[in-house]
Amino acid sequence: MLYIKITAFGGDRIKNHVRALRNEHGMTQEQLGEIIGVSRQSVIAIETMKYNPSLELAFKIAKAFHMYIEDVFVFEEKEEK
């Protein structure tokens, strides 16, 4: 599965599978946006790593794909040196 990386706090990363899952489910960005209550532009921003969704929105996205949130979004901590 394709991971998309988003830089979070102090180099930590939040990966998501939103684009891949949306494509697997045959949804357009507009259709997913309607299901989760956001605009197509918001879906684009999430998919292109320009926006980290709120926890509530992340749960709505996971629910849209009938998945657990941790299967859609993965937090990866920065390795200590």
Protein backbone atom coordinates (compact mmCIF):
# COMPACT_ATOMS: atom_id res chain seq x y z
CA MET A 1 0.00 0.00 0.00
CA LEU A 2 1.23 3.50 -0.82
CA TYR A 3 2.07 5.74 2.14
CA ILE A 4 1.94 9.51 1.91
CA LYS A 5 4.21 11.29 4.39
CA ILE A 6 3.33 14.47 6.25
CA THR A 7 5.87 16.17 8.51
CA ALA A 8 4.36 16.71 11.93
CA PHE A 9 5.85 17.80 15.24
CA GLY A 10 9.65 17.99 15.31
CA GLY A 11 10.18 15.80 12.27
CA ASP A 12 7.64 13.14 13.25
CA ARG A 13 5.52 11.94 10.36
CA ILE A 14 1.86 11.16 9.83
CA LYS A 15 1.34 8.85 6.89
CA ASN A 16 -2.02 8.24 5.27
CA HIS A 17 -3.58 5.94 2.71
CA VAL A 18 -6.45 8.23 1.75
CA ARG A 19 -5.72 8.54 -1.98
CA ALA A 20 -5.06 4.81 -2.40
CA LEU A 21 -8.17 3.83 -0.44
CA ARG A 22 -10.34 6.31 -2.32
CA ASN A 23 -9.13 4.90 -5.62
CA GLU A 24 -9.63 1.30 -4.44
CA HIS A 25 -13.22 2.18 -3.52
CA GLY A 26 -13.82 3.88 -6.87
CA MET A 27 -14.59 7.24 -5.29
CA THR A 28 -13.89 10.68 -6.62
CA GLN A 29 -12.51 13.37 -4.33
CA GLU A 30 -15.89 15.07 -4.48
CA GLN A 31 -17.73 11.90 -3.44
CA LEU A 32 -15.42 11.33 -0.47
CA GLY A 33 -15.79 14.98 0.51
CA GLU A 34 -19.58 14.66 0.51
CA ILE A 35 -19.42 11.53 2.68
CA ILE A 36 -17.13 13.11 5.28
CA GLY A 37 -18.60 16.62 5.10
CA VAL A 38 -15.75 18.60 3.54
CA SER A 39 -15.00 20.16 0.17
CA ARG A 40 -13.19 18.44 -2.68
CA GLN A 41 -10.36 20.90 -2.07
CA SER A 42 -10.01 19.66 1.53
CA VAL A 43 -9.74 16.08 0.30
CA ILE A 44 -7.04 17.20 -2.14
CA ALA A 45 -5.16 18.96 0.68
CA ILE A 46 -5.24 15.81 2.83
CA GLU A 47 -4.09 13.62 -0.05
CA THR A 48 -1.26 15.98 -1.01
CA MET A 49 0.01 16.40 2.56
CA LYS A 50 -0.92 20.07 2.83
CA TYR A 51 -3.44 19.49 5.63
CA ASN A 52 -3.54 17.16 8.62
CA PRO A 53 -7.19 16.39 9.36
CA SER A 54 -8.58 16.84 12.85
CA LEU A 55 -9.08 13.70 14.90
CA GLU A 56 -12.83 13.89 14.25
CA LEU A 57 -12.29 14.17 10.50
CA ALA A 58 -9.71 11.36 10.54
CA PHE A 59 -12.32 9.10 12.18
CA LYS A 60 -14.89 10.09 9.53
CA ILE A 61 -12.41 9.23 6.78
CA ALA A 62 -11.68 5.84 8.34
CA LYS A 63 -15.41 5.16 8.73
CA ALA A 64 -16.00 6.03 5.06
CA PHE A 65 -13.67 3.17 4.14
CA HIS A 66 -14.99 0.82 6.87
CA MET A 67 -11.54 0.75 8.46
CA TYR A 68 -9.90 1.52 11.77
CA ILE A 69 -8.28 4.95 11.98
CA GLU A 70 -4.84 3.39 12.56
CA ASP A 71 -5.20 1.51 9.26
CA VAL A 72 -5.70 4.80 7.40
CA PHE A 73 -3.35 7.08 9.36
CA VAL A 74 -0.01 6.01 10.83
CA PHE A 75 2.06 8.17 13.20
CA GLU A 76 5.78 7.56 12.82
CA GLU A 77 8.01 9.05 15.51
CA LYS A 78 11.33 10.61 14.66
CA GLU A 79 14.22 8.34 15.50
CA GLU A 80 16.41 9.53 18.37
CA LYS A 81 20.09 9.95 17.49
